[in-house]
Amino acid sequence: MKAKVIAILAVPGVQLLDVSGPLDVFAEANIQAGREIYAPLVIAAKHGHIRSSSGVRLVADHVVGETLPAIDTLLVAGCPNATEISLGDDLLDWLRSTAPKARRYGSVCSGAFLLAASGLLDGHRVTTHWAVAEALAARHPAVTVEKDAIHVRDGRLRTAAGVTAGLDLSLSLVEEDLGRDIAMKVASQLVMFFTRPGGQMQFSRGGEAAPAGRSALQEIQRWIAANPAADHSVAALAKRMDVSPRHFARLFREEVGTTPAVWVEAARISAVRRRLEDGQAPKQVASECGFADVDTLRRAFTRHVGITPAEYRRHHWRIDEA
């Protein structure tokens, strides 16, 4: 049986792991299957070395415009400046003509911006790195962006979240082709989750509360962040600022862009995350950060982060060396 060609398009400034991660998954699948199932190759936009964002240079197997073997799966790798670069018409035309001929096509991380520029994501559900998900949705309103997903399957389209999620996506493709047993062996060999717990929200810091508005309001917000367990009702905060509760609530919403209650909860969740990362137990953290009990914390934390406090602590606990 002829090997399935896995083609990865890499543009200048590419994130190296967006390319090497998937390639290693498919290479390991060949080993676990005992034969060459996949024939991975790298495609460049033009001749010459591809300098990655880390400075390491890649040598592509083919260049856009050359005669290529039939592509089974085409993936577009991301790069840190994907939101800023503009692809030439030749490359966009190549994507538009090549991707539909492949059995599957998609992107890793911010590579979604490059595919979206070609129009290939219009009308589809996709994901990308949490830090640029809102930018992708704003720039391409015809695309439905799932900000918390690790990877998304929509028909023939496959998209992965940030960087290491390219491994998760590739592993899911191996499972599609070769079954669960082979995919689990690949995951075991590469020391990675077969199914990663939770979504991107647990890694995102984008929702953390940051001081905004006039200096008096920022002082209030810094007080909240430094004292998460204190009374942060509108009445208490208004008294601290020496204004009426009604005036405080209106001013806060106008200048900060959200209600005091929403900001306080976000600040408390940020405090919880830091304590969980230091190894504290959820029950202890709940009282220290202003939550009535651990159940209240669990509901709020899951809503913000996507997993429970106990799960977050298990996967993000920083164990400092003595």
C-alpha atoms as a PDB file:
ATOM      1  CA  MET A   1       0.000   0.000   0.000  1.00  0.00           C
ATOM      2  CA  LYS A   2       1.311   3.431  -0.954  1.00  0.00           C
ATOM      3  CA  ALA A   3       2.303   5.684   1.969  1.00  0.00           C
ATOM      4  CA  LYS A   4       0.037   8.617   2.794  1.00  0.00           C
ATOM      5  CA  VAL A   5       1.788  11.899   2.071  1.00  0.00           C
ATOM      6  CA  ILE A   6       1.591  14.292   5.026  1.00  0.00           C
ATOM      7  CA  ALA A   7       2.580  17.743   3.759  1.00  0.00           C
ATOM      8  CA  ILE A   8       3.325  20.621   6.126  1.00  0.00           C
ATOM      9  CA  LEU A   9       3.560  24.132   4.706  1.00  0.00           C
ATOM     10  CA  ALA A  10       6.161  26.184   6.587  1.00  0.00           C
ATOM     11  CA  VAL A  11       6.542  29.918   6.000  1.00  0.00           C
ATOM     12  CA  PRO A  12       9.471  32.105   7.142  1.00  0.00           C
ATOM     13  CA  GLY A  13       9.396  32.582  10.915  1.00  0.00           C
ATOM     14  CA  VAL A  14       7.543  29.314  11.442  1.00  0.00           C
ATOM     15  CA  GLN A  15       7.239  27.913  14.966  1.00  0.00           C
ATOM     16  CA  LEU A  16       9.570  24.916  14.808  1.00  0.00           C
ATOM     17  CA  LEU A  17       7.411  22.665  16.982  1.00  0.00           C
ATOM     18  CA  ASP A  18       4.418  23.274  14.698  1.00  0.00           C
ATOM     19  CA  VAL A  19       6.410  21.363  12.094  1.00  0.00           C
ATOM     20  CA  SER A  20       8.570  18.932  14.065  1.00  0.00           C
ATOM     21  CA  GLY A  21       5.828  17.891  16.507  1.00  0.00           C
ATOM     22  CA  PRO A  22       3.417  16.477  13.929  1.00  0.00           C
ATOM     23  CA  LEU A  23       6.311  14.961  11.947  1.00  0.00           C
ATOM     24  CA  ASP A  24       7.467  13.023  15.018  1.00  0.00           C
ATOM     25  CA  VAL A  25       3.954  11.711  15.660  1.00  0.00           C
ATOM     26  CA  PHE A  26       3.623  10.379  12.127  1.00  0.00           C
ATOM     27  CA  ALA A  27       7.169   8.962  12.182  1.00  0.00           C
ATOM     28  CA  GLU A  28       6.395   7.123  15.422  1.00  0.00           C
ATOM     29  CA  ALA A  29       3.149   5.813  13.923  1.00  0.00           C
ATOM     30  CA  ASN A  30       5.229   4.214  11.161  1.00  0.00           C
ATOM     31  CA  ILE A  31       7.382   2.519  13.792  1.00  0.00           C
ATOM     32  CA  GLN A  32       4.403   1.271  15.807  1.00  0.00           C
ATOM     33  CA  ALA A  33       2.625   0.028  12.669  1.00  0.00           C
ATOM     34  CA  GLY A  34       5.759  -1.784  11.503  1.00  0.00           C
ATOM     35  CA  ARG A  35       5.640  -0.290   8.026  1.00  0.00           C
ATOM     36  CA  GLU A  36       5.630   3.056   6.226  1.00  0.00           C
ATOM     37  CA  ILE A  37       2.090   4.315   6.584  1.00  0.00           C
ATOM     38  CA  TYR A  38       3.028   7.984   6.327  1.00  0.00           C
ATOM     39  CA  ALA A  39       5.486   9.870   4.137  1.00  0.00           C
ATOM     40  CA  PRO A  40       5.887  13.287   5.790  1.00  0.00           C
ATOM     41  CA  LEU A  41       7.355  16.196   3.849  1.00  0.00           C
ATOM     42  CA  VAL A  42       7.853  19.933   4.326  1.00  0.00           C
ATOM     43  CA  ILE A  43       6.825  22.469   1.703  1.00  0.00           C
ATOM     44  CA  ALA A  44       8.256  25.997   1.508  1.00  0.00           C
ATOM     45  CA  ALA A  45       6.836  29.094  -0.144  1.00  0.00           C
ATOM     46  CA  LYS A  46      10.096  29.700  -2.000  1.00  0.00           C
ATOM     47  CA  HIS A  47      13.574  28.249  -2.506  1.00  0.00           C
ATOM     48  CA  GLY A  48      16.183  28.479   0.243  1.00  0.00           C
ATOM     49  CA  HIS A  49      16.300  27.732   3.948  1.00  0.00           C
ATOM     50  CA  ILE A  50      13.266  28.442   6.119  1.00  0.00           C
ATOM     51  CA  ARG A  51      14.402  30.338   9.183  1.00  0.00           C
ATOM     52  CA  SER A  52      12.184  29.417  12.131  1.00  0.00           C
ATOM     53  CA  SER A  53      11.181  31.744  14.984  1.00  0.00           C
ATOM     54  CA  SER A  54      13.855  30.101  17.161  1.00  0.00           C
ATOM     55  CA  GLY A  55      16.557  30.729  14.556  1.00  0.00           C
ATOM     56  CA  VAL A  56      16.903  27.083  13.499  1.00  0.00           C
ATOM     57  CA  ARG A  57      16.758  26.703   9.721  1.00  0.00           C
ATOM     58  CA  LEU A  58      14.745  24.075   7.886  1.00  0.00           C
ATOM     59  CA  VAL A  59      15.365  22.634   4.444  1.00  0.00           C
ATOM     60  CA  ALA A  60      12.082  21.958   2.640  1.00  0.00           C
ATOM     61  CA  ASP A  61      11.462  18.868   0.537  1.00  0.00           C
ATOM     62  CA  HIS A  62       9.485  20.840  -2.035  1.00  0.00           C
ATOM     63  CA  VAL A  63       8.618  24.401  -2.985  1.00  0.00           C
ATOM     64  CA  VAL A  64       5.189  25.742  -3.854  1.00  0.00           C
ATOM     65  CA  GLY A  65       4.738  25.515  -7.615  1.00  0.00           C
ATOM     66  CA  GLU A  66       6.716  22.313  -8.051  1.00  0.00           C
ATOM     67  CA  THR A  67       5.080  19.067  -9.086  1.00  0.00           C
ATOM     68  CA  LEU A  68       4.192  17.282  -5.858  1.00  0.00           C
ATOM     69  CA  PRO A  69       3.107  13.740  -5.037  1.00  0.00           C
ATOM     70  CA  ALA A  70      -0.593  13.347  -4.262  1.00  0.00           C
ATOM     71  CA  ILE A  71      -1.142  14.864  -0.809  1.00  0.00           C
ATOM     72  CA  ASP A  72      -3.256  12.925   1.664  1.00  0.00           C
ATOM     73  CA  THR A  73      -3.139  15.510   4.476  1.00  0.00           C
ATOM     74  CA  LEU A  74      -2.036  19.138   4.176  1.00  0.00           C
ATOM     75  CA  LEU A  75      -1.268  21.105   7.348  1.00  0.00           C
ATOM     76  CA  VAL A  76      -0.259  24.764   7.548  1.00  0.00           C
ATOM     77  CA  ALA A  77       2.150  25.472  10.413  1.00  0.00           C
ATOM     78  CA  GLY A  78       1.855  28.657  12.446  1.00  0.00           C
ATOM     79  CA  CYS A  79       4.321  31.386  13.325  1.00  0.00           C
ATOM     80  CA  PRO A  80       4.437  34.006  16.090  1.00  0.00           C
ATOM     81  CA  ASN A  81       3.765  36.863  13.647  1.00  0.00           C
ATOM     82  CA  ALA A  82       1.002  35.118  11.690  1.00  0.00           C
ATOM     83  CA  THR A  83      -1.425  37.933  12.487  1.00  0.00           C
ATOM     84  CA  GLU A  84       0.884  40.437  10.794  1.00  0.00           C
ATOM     85  CA  ILE A  85       2.231  38.707   7.692  1.00  0.00           C
ATOM     86  CA  SER A  86       0.612  38.961   4.280  1.00  0.00           C
ATOM     87  CA  LEU A  87       0.772  35.969   1.964  1.00  0.00           C
ATOM     88  CA  GLY A  88       1.413  36.498  -1.720  1.00  0.00           C
ATOM     89  CA  ASP A  89      -1.277  35.748  -4.282  1.00  0.00           C
ATOM     90  CA  ASP A  90       0.711  32.785  -5.619  1.00  0.00           C
ATOM     91  CA  LEU A  91       0.752  31.077  -2.227  1.00  0.00           C
ATOM     92  CA  LEU A  92      -2.932  31.809  -1.572  1.00  0.00           C
ATOM     93  CA  ASP A  93      -3.854  30.444  -4.986  1.00  0.00           C
ATOM     94  CA  TRP A  94      -1.757  27.356  -4.278  1.00  0.00           C
ATOM     95  CA  LEU A  95      -3.595  26.765  -1.013  1.00  0.00           C
ATOM     96  CA  ARG A  96      -6.983  27.225  -2.685  1.00  0.00           C
ATOM     97  CA  SER A  97      -6.161  24.718  -5.407  1.00  0.00           C
ATOM     98  CA  THR A  98      -4.190  22.179  -3.336  1.00  0.00           C
ATOM     99  CA  ALA A  99      -6.131  21.864  -0.070  1.00  0.00           C
ATOM    100  CA  PRO A 100      -9.457  20.800  -1.654  1.00  0.00           C
ATOM    101  CA  LYS A 101      -7.689  17.967  -3.470  1.00  0.00           C
ATOM    102  CA  ALA A 102      -6.298  16.506  -0.238  1.00  0.00           C
ATOM    103  CA  ARG A 103      -8.271  13.999   1.836  1.00  0.00           C
ATOM    104  CA  ARG A 104      -7.766  16.265   4.845  1.00  0.00           C
ATOM    105  CA  TYR A 105      -6.346  19.722   5.354  1.00  0.00           C
ATOM    106  CA  GLY A 106      -5.930  22.093   8.252  1.00  0.00           C
ATOM    107  CA  SER A 107      -3.622  24.139  10.426  1.00  0.00           C
ATOM    108  CA  VAL A 108      -1.541  24.098  13.573  1.00  0.00           C
ATOM    109  CA  CYS A 109      -1.683  27.045  15.982  1.00  0.00           C
ATOM    110  CA  SER A 110      -1.732  30.431  14.210  1.00  0.00           C
ATOM    111  CA  GLY A 111      -1.458  28.692  10.850  1.00  0.00           C
ATOM    112  CA  ALA A 112      -5.236  29.150  10.917  1.00  0.00           C
ATOM    113  CA  PHE A 113      -4.666  32.792   9.917  1.00  0.00           C
ATOM    114  CA  LEU A 114      -2.881  31.686   6.765  1.00  0.00           C
ATOM    115  CA  LEU A 115      -5.663  29.298   5.809  1.00  0.00           C
ATOM    116  CA  ALA A 116      -8.309  31.863   6.689  1.00  0.00           C
ATOM    117  CA  ALA A 117      -6.667  34.375   4.327  1.00  0.00           C
ATOM    118  CA  SER A 118      -7.335  31.932   1.485  1.00  0.00           C
ATOM    119  CA  GLY A 119     -11.030  31.684   2.387  1.00  0.00           C
ATOM    120  CA  LEU A 120     -10.742  27.972   3.122  1.00  0.00           C
ATOM    121  CA  LEU A 121     -12.029  28.379   6.671  1.00  0.00           C
ATOM    122  CA  ASP A 122     -15.194  30.300   5.804  1.00  0.00           C
ATOM    123  CA  GLY A 123     -18.292  28.559   7.124  1.00  0.00           C
ATOM    124  CA  HIS A 124     -16.256  26.177   9.272  1.00  0.00           C
ATOM    125  CA  ARG A 125     -15.596  25.602  12.973  1.00  0.00           C
ATOM    126  CA  VAL A 126     -11.915  25.980  13.861  1.00  0.00           C
ATOM    127  CA  THR A 127      -9.548  26.617  16.711  1.00  0.00           C
ATOM    128  CA  THR A 128      -6.221  28.392  17.087  1.00  0.00           C
ATOM    129  CA  HIS A 129      -3.957  29.587  19.889  1.00  0.00           C
ATOM    130  CA  TRP A 130      -5.992  31.165  22.706  1.00  0.00           C
ATOM    131  CA  ALA A 131      -3.974  34.377  22.524  1.00  0.00           C
ATOM    132  CA  VAL A 132      -5.070  35.117  18.932  1.00  0.00           C
ATOM    133  CA  ALA A 133      -8.471  33.401  18.849  1.00  0.00           C
ATOM    134  CA  GLU A 134     -10.421  36.633  19.248  1.00  0.00           C
ATOM    135  CA  ALA A 135      -8.317  38.309  16.568  1.00  0.00           C
ATOM    136  CA  LEU A 136      -9.055  35.455  14.147  1.00  0.00           C
ATOM    137  CA  ALA A 137     -12.780  35.677  14.849  1.00  0.00           C
ATOM    138  CA  ALA A 138     -12.787  39.461  14.409  1.00  0.00           C
ATOM    139  CA  ARG A 139     -10.799  39.403  11.178  1.00  0.00           C
ATOM    140  CA  HIS A 140     -12.763  36.522   9.649  1.00  0.00           C
ATOM    141  CA  PRO A 141     -16.395  36.736  10.803  1.00  0.00           C
ATOM    142  CA  ALA A 142     -17.415  33.891   8.471  1.00  0.00           C
ATOM    143  CA  VAL A 143     -15.278  31.539  10.608  1.00  0.00           C
ATOM    144  CA  THR A 144     -16.558  30.070  13.890  1.00  0.00           C
ATOM    145  CA  VAL A 145     -13.647  30.031  16.364  1.00  0.00           C
ATOM    146  CA  GLU A 146     -13.794  27.627  19.307  1.00  0.00           C
ATOM    147  CA  LYS A 147     -11.403  29.305  21.737  1.00  0.00           C
ATOM    148  CA  ASP A 148     -11.188  26.510  24.303  1.00  0.00           C
ATOM    149  CA  ALA A 149     -10.725  23.525  21.965  1.00  0.00           C
ATOM    150  CA  ILE A 150      -7.395  21.678  21.724  1.00  0.00           C
ATOM    151  CA  HIS A 151      -8.242  20.588  18.203  1.00  0.00           C
ATOM    152  CA  VAL A 152     -11.372  20.695  16.044  1.00  0.00           C
ATOM    153  CA  ARG A 153     -12.643  18.376  13.323  1.00  0.00           C
ATOM    154  CA  ASP A 154     -15.115  19.839  10.836  1.00  0.00           C
ATOM    155  CA  GLY A 155     -15.628  17.675   7.777  1.00  0.00           C
ATOM    156  CA  ARG A 156     -12.285  17.406   5.995  1.00  0.00           C
ATOM    157  CA  LEU A 157     -10.899  20.340   7.949  1.00  0.00           C
ATOM    158  CA  ARG A 158      -8.690  19.826  11.034  1.00  0.00           C
ATOM    159  CA  THR A 159      -7.321  22.652  13.183  1.00  0.00           C
ATOM    160  CA  ALA A 160      -5.183  22.617  16.323  1.00  0.00           C
ATOM    161  CA  ALA A 161      -4.650  25.124  19.124  1.00  0.00           C
ATOM    162  CA  GLY A 162      -1.266  26.432  20.190  1.00  0.00           C
ATOM    163  CA  VAL A 163       2.029  24.740  19.364  1.00  0.00           C
ATOM    164  CA  THR A 164       2.024  21.423  21.284  1.00  0.00           C
ATOM    165  CA  ALA A 165      -1.615  20.900  20.301  1.00  0.00           C
ATOM    166  CA  GLY A 166      -0.230  19.990  16.883  1.00  0.00           C
ATOM    167  CA  LEU A 167       0.859  16.716  18.481  1.00  0.00           C
ATOM    168  CA  ASP A 168      -2.681  16.139  19.809  1.00  0.00           C
ATOM    169  CA  LEU A 169      -4.122  16.814  16.366  1.00  0.00           C
ATOM    170  CA  SER A 170      -1.645  14.519  14.647  1.00  0.00           C
ATOM    171  CA  LEU A 171      -2.331  11.763  17.159  1.00  0.00           C
ATOM    172  CA  SER A 172      -6.056  12.073  16.413  1.00  0.00           C
ATOM    173  CA  LEU A 173      -5.288  11.668  12.687  1.00  0.00           C
ATOM    174  CA  VAL A 174      -3.286   8.534  13.454  1.00  0.00           C
ATOM    175  CA  GLU A 175      -6.243   7.196  15.419  1.00  0.00           C
ATOM    176  CA  GLU A 176      -8.549   7.950  12.471  1.00  0.00           C
ATOM    177  CA  ASP A 177      -6.288   6.000  10.131  1.00  0.00           C
ATOM    178  CA  LEU A 178      -4.835   3.206  12.250  1.00  0.00           C
ATOM    179  CA  GLY A 179      -7.132   2.842  15.246  1.00  0.00           C
ATOM    180  CA  ARG A 180      -6.954   3.474  18.955  1.00  0.00           C
ATOM    181  CA  ASP A 181      -4.365   0.832  19.828  1.00  0.00           C
ATOM    182  CA  ILE A 182      -1.670   2.190  17.516  1.00  0.00           C
ATOM    183  CA  ALA A 183      -2.448   5.772  18.535  1.00  0.00           C
ATOM    184  CA  MET A 184      -2.142   4.875  22.221  1.00  0.00           C
ATOM    185  CA  LYS A 185       1.223   3.233  21.583  1.00  0.00           C
ATOM    186  CA  VAL A 186       2.396   6.379  19.811  1.00  0.00           C
ATOM    187  CA  ALA A 187       1.248   8.533  22.747  1.00  0.00           C
ATOM    188  CA  SER A 188       2.997   6.224  25.205  1.00  0.00           C
ATOM    189  CA  GLN A 189       6.251   6.296  23.275  1.00  0.00           C
ATOM    190  CA  LEU A 190       6.187  10.099  22.980  1.00  0.00           C
ATOM    191  CA  VAL A 191       5.187  10.479  26.664  1.00  0.00           C
ATOM    192  CA  MET A 192       2.087  12.541  25.864  1.00  0.00           C
ATOM    193  CA  PHE A 193      -1.569  12.415  26.849  1.00  0.00           C
ATOM    194  CA  PHE A 194      -3.706  10.250  24.602  1.00  0.00           C
ATOM    195  CA  THR A 195      -6.539  12.648  25.436  1.00  0.00           C
ATOM    196  CA  ARG A 196      -5.400  15.859  27.064  1.00  0.00           C
ATOM    197  CA  PRO A 197      -7.461  16.823  30.136  1.00  0.00           C
ATOM    198  CA  GLY A 198      -9.431  20.031  29.680  1.00  0.00           C
ATOM    199  CA  GLY A 199      -9.116  22.651  26.991  1.00  0.00           C
ATOM    200  CA  GLN A 200      -7.028  25.749  26.267  1.00  0.00           C
ATOM    201  CA  MET A 201      -8.670  27.857  28.956  1.00  0.00           C
ATOM    202  CA  GLN A 202      -6.472  26.256  31.619  1.00  0.00           C
ATOM    203  CA  PHE A 203      -3.379  27.685  29.893  1.00  0.00           C
ATOM    204  CA  SER A 204      -4.840  31.076  28.995  1.00  0.00           C
ATOM    205  CA  ARG A 205      -4.000  34.120  31.070  1.00  0.00           C
ATOM    206  CA  GLY A 206      -6.053  36.312  28.768  1.00  0.00           C
ATOM    207  CA  GLY A 207      -9.027  36.400  31.122  1.00  0.00           C
ATOM    208  CA  GLU A 208      -7.063  37.573  34.136  1.00  0.00           C
ATOM    209  CA  ALA A 209      -8.234  40.822  35.675  1.00  0.00           C
ATOM    210  CA  ALA A 210      -5.989  43.820  35.011  1.00  0.00           C
ATOM    211  CA  PRO A 211      -6.415  47.310  36.519  1.00  0.00           C
ATOM    212  CA  ALA A 212      -8.142  49.818  34.238  1.00  0.00           C
ATOM    213  CA  GLY A 213      -9.842  53.195  34.431  1.00  0.00           C
ATOM    214  CA  ARG A 214      -8.909  56.276  36.459  1.00  0.00           C
ATOM    215  CA  SER A 215      -6.248  56.018  39.158  1.00  0.00           C
ATOM    216  CA  ALA A 216      -8.771  55.758  42.010  1.00  0.00           C
ATOM    217  CA  LEU A 217     -10.441  52.789  40.318  1.00  0.00           C
ATOM    218  CA  GLN A 218      -7.094  51.148  39.611  1.00  0.00           C
ATOM    219  CA  GLU A 219      -6.202  51.508  43.281  1.00  0.00           C
ATOM    220  CA  ILE A 220      -9.454  49.725  44.171  1.00  0.00           C
ATOM    221  CA  GLN A 221      -8.670  46.938  41.700  1.00  0.00           C
ATOM    222  CA  ARG A 222      -5.166  46.453  43.081  1.00  0.00           C
ATOM    223  CA  TRP A 223      -6.666  46.261  46.579  1.00  0.00           C
ATOM    224  CA  ILE A 224      -9.084  43.550  45.407  1.00  0.00           C
ATOM    225  CA  ALA A 225      -6.263  41.533  43.814  1.00  0.00           C
ATOM    226  CA  ALA A 226      -4.086  41.805  46.915  1.00  0.00           C
ATOM    227  CA  ASN A 227      -6.922  40.925  49.299  1.00  0.00           C
ATOM    228  CA  PRO A 228      -9.154  38.399  47.509  1.00  0.00           C
ATOM    229  CA  ALA A 229     -10.849  37.198  50.708  1.00  0.00           C
ATOM    230  CA  ALA A 230     -12.015  40.653  51.804  1.00  0.00           C
ATOM    231  CA  ASP A 231     -15.546  42.026  51.453  1.00  0.00           C
ATOM    232  CA  HIS A 232     -15.729  43.230  47.868  1.00  0.00           C
ATOM    233  CA  SER A 233     -19.402  44.060  47.659  1.00  0.00           C
ATOM    234  CA  VAL A 234     -20.322  47.211  45.737  1.00  0.00           C
ATOM    235  CA  ALA A 235     -21.192  48.904  49.025  1.00  0.00           C
ATOM    236  CA  ALA A 236     -17.814  48.079  50.601  1.00  0.00           C
ATOM    237  CA  LEU A 237     -15.833  49.124  47.523  1.00  0.00           C
ATOM    238  CA  ALA A 238     -17.840  52.329  47.115  1.00  0.00           C
ATOM    239  CA  LYS A 239     -17.162  53.228  50.757  1.00  0.00           C
ATOM    240  CA  ARG A 240     -13.446  52.650  50.204  1.00  0.00           C
ATOM    241  CA  MET A 241     -13.543  55.069  47.258  1.00  0.00           C
ATOM    242  CA  ASP A 242     -15.799  57.476  49.199  1.00  0.00           C
ATOM    243  CA  VAL A 243     -18.621  57.549  46.648  1.00  0.00           C
ATOM    244  CA  SER A 244     -22.170  56.210  46.615  1.00  0.00           C
ATOM    245  CA  PRO A 245     -22.684  52.546  45.635  1.00  0.00           C
ATOM    246  CA  ARG A 246     -24.765  53.578  42.626  1.00  0.00           C
ATOM    247  CA  HIS A 247     -22.129  56.029  41.400  1.00  0.00           C
ATOM    248  CA  PHE A 248     -19.339  53.505  41.976  1.00  0.00           C
ATOM    249  CA  ALA A 249     -21.119  50.746  40.035  1.00  0.00           C
ATOM    250  CA  ARG A 250     -21.829  53.091  37.110  1.00  0.00           C
ATOM    251  CA  LEU A 251     -18.291  54.494  37.061  1.00  0.00           C
ATOM    252  CA  PHE A 252     -16.704  51.039  37.287  1.00  0.00           C
ATOM    253  CA  ARG A 253     -18.737  49.676  34.389  1.00  0.00           C
ATOM    254  CA  GLU A 254     -18.084  52.728  32.198  1.00  0.00           C
ATOM    255  CA  GLU A 255     -14.325  52.835  32.758  1.00  0.00           C
ATOM    256  CA  VAL A 256     -13.389  49.196  33.338  1.00  0.00           C
ATOM    257  CA  GLY A 257     -15.854  47.704  30.882  1.00  0.00           C
ATOM    258  CA  THR A 258     -17.465  45.189  33.213  1.00  0.00           C
ATOM    259  CA  THR A 259     -19.340  45.049  36.501  1.00  0.00           C
ATOM    260  CA  PRO A 260     -17.518  45.059  39.853  1.00  0.00           C
ATOM    261  CA  ALA A 261     -18.842  41.545  40.596  1.00  0.00           C
ATOM    262  CA  VAL A 262     -17.458  40.103  37.360  1.00  0.00           C
ATOM    263  CA  TRP A 263     -14.068  41.761  37.903  1.00  0.00           C
ATOM    264  CA  VAL A 264     -13.886  40.578  41.512  1.00  0.00           C
ATOM    265  CA  GLU A 265     -14.614  36.984  40.524  1.00  0.00           C
ATOM    266  CA  ALA A 266     -11.929  37.093  37.798  1.00  0.00           C
ATOM    267  CA  ALA A 267      -9.416  38.499  40.301  1.00  0.00           C
ATOM    268  CA  ARG A 268     -10.272  35.786  42.804  1.00  0.00           C
ATOM    269  CA  ILE A 269      -9.879  33.081  40.154  1.00  0.00           C
ATOM    270  CA  SER A 270      -6.431  34.485  39.314  1.00  0.00           C
ATOM    271  CA  ALA A 271      -5.499  34.278  42.993  1.00  0.00           C
ATOM    272  CA  VAL A 272      -6.795  30.712  43.153  1.00  0.00           C
ATOM    273  CA  ARG A 273      -4.731  29.668  40.143  1.00  0.00           C
ATOM    274  CA  ARG A 274      -1.526  30.988  41.693  1.00  0.00           C
ATOM    275  CA  ARG A 275      -2.172  29.150  44.951  1.00  0.00           C
ATOM    276  CA  LEU A 276      -3.057  25.896  43.200  1.00  0.00           C
ATOM    277  CA  GLU A 277       0.142  26.173  41.156  1.00  0.00           C
ATOM    278  CA  ASP A 278       2.017  26.436  44.451  1.00  0.00           C
ATOM    279  CA  GLY A 279       0.419  23.193  45.615  1.00  0.00           C
ATOM    280  CA  GLN A 280      -2.284  24.441  47.986  1.00  0.00           C
ATOM    281  CA  ALA A 281      -5.442  22.337  48.302  1.00  0.00           C
ATOM    282  CA  PRO A 282      -8.739  23.635  46.821  1.00  0.00           C
ATOM    283  CA  LYS A 283     -10.494  23.607  50.203  1.00  0.00           C
ATOM    284  CA  GLN A 284      -7.832  25.845  51.728  1.00  0.00           C
ATOM    285  CA  VAL A 285      -7.729  28.086  48.671  1.00  0.00           C
ATOM    286  CA  ALA A 286     -11.496  28.628  48.645  1.00  0.00           C
ATOM    287  CA  SER A 287     -11.537  30.416  52.010  1.00  0.00           C
ATOM    288  CA  GLU A 288      -8.328  32.328  51.290  1.00  0.00           C
ATOM    289  CA  CYS A 289      -9.701  33.741  48.065  1.00  0.00           C
ATOM    290  CA  GLY A 290     -13.169  34.824  49.108  1.00  0.00           C
ATOM    291  CA  PHE A 291     -15.332  31.864  48.059  1.00  0.00           C
ATOM    292  CA  ALA A 292     -18.060  30.709  50.440  1.00  0.00           C
ATOM    293  CA  ASP A 293     -17.029  27.069  50.168  1.00  0.00           C
ATOM    294  CA  VAL A 294     -15.176  24.655  47.902  1.00  0.00           C
ATOM    295  CA  ASP A 295     -18.314  23.877  45.876  1.00  0.00           C
ATOM    296  CA  THR A 296     -18.801  27.542  45.031  1.00  0.00           C
ATOM    297  CA  LEU A 297     -15.133  27.727  44.044  1.00  0.00           C
ATOM    298  CA  ARG A 298     -15.431  24.605  41.897  1.00  0.00           C
ATOM    299  CA  ARG A 299     -18.369  26.005  39.921  1.00  0.00           C
ATOM    300  CA  ALA A 300     -16.725  29.400  39.341  1.00  0.00           C
ATOM    301  CA  PHE A 301     -13.325  27.907  38.526  1.00  0.00           C
ATOM    302  CA  THR A 302     -14.751  25.434  36.017  1.00  0.00           C
ATOM    303  CA  ARG A 303     -16.684  28.235  34.340  1.00  0.00           C
ATOM    304  CA  HIS A 304     -13.532  30.352  33.947  1.00  0.00           C
ATOM    305  CA  VAL A 305     -10.840  27.722  33.372  1.00  0.00           C
ATOM    306  CA  GLY A 306     -12.676  24.710  31.971  1.00  0.00           C
ATOM    307  CA  ILE A 307     -11.510  22.129  34.522  1.00  0.00           C
ATOM    308  CA  THR A 308     -11.952  21.692  38.279  1.00  0.00           C
ATOM    309  CA  PRO A 309      -9.493  23.181  40.806  1.00  0.00           C
ATOM    310  CA  ALA A 310      -8.321  19.677  41.747  1.00  0.00           C
ATOM    311  CA  GLU A 311      -7.582  18.831  38.100  1.00  0.00           C
ATOM    312  CA  TYR A 312      -5.806  22.157  37.607  1.00  0.00           C
ATOM    313  CA  ARG A 313      -3.632  21.604  40.676  1.00  0.00           C
ATOM    314  CA  ARG A 314      -2.745  18.095  39.518  1.00  0.00           C
ATOM    315  CA  HIS A 315      -1.535  19.278  36.118  1.00  0.00           C
ATOM    316  CA  HIS A 316      -0.055  22.699  36.966  1.00  0.00           C
ATOM    317  CA  TRP A 317       1.468  22.298  40.412  1.00  0.00           C
ATOM    318  CA  ARG A 318       4.975  23.774  40.371  1.00  0.00           C
ATOM    319  CA  ILE A 319       7.229  21.615  42.544  1.00  0.00           C
ATOM    320  CA  ASP A 320      10.202  23.769  43.498  1.00  0.00           C
ATOM    321  CA  GLU A 321      13.576  22.158  44.017  1.00  0.00           C
ATOM    322  CA  ALA A 322      15.031  22.412  47.490  1.00  0.00           C
END
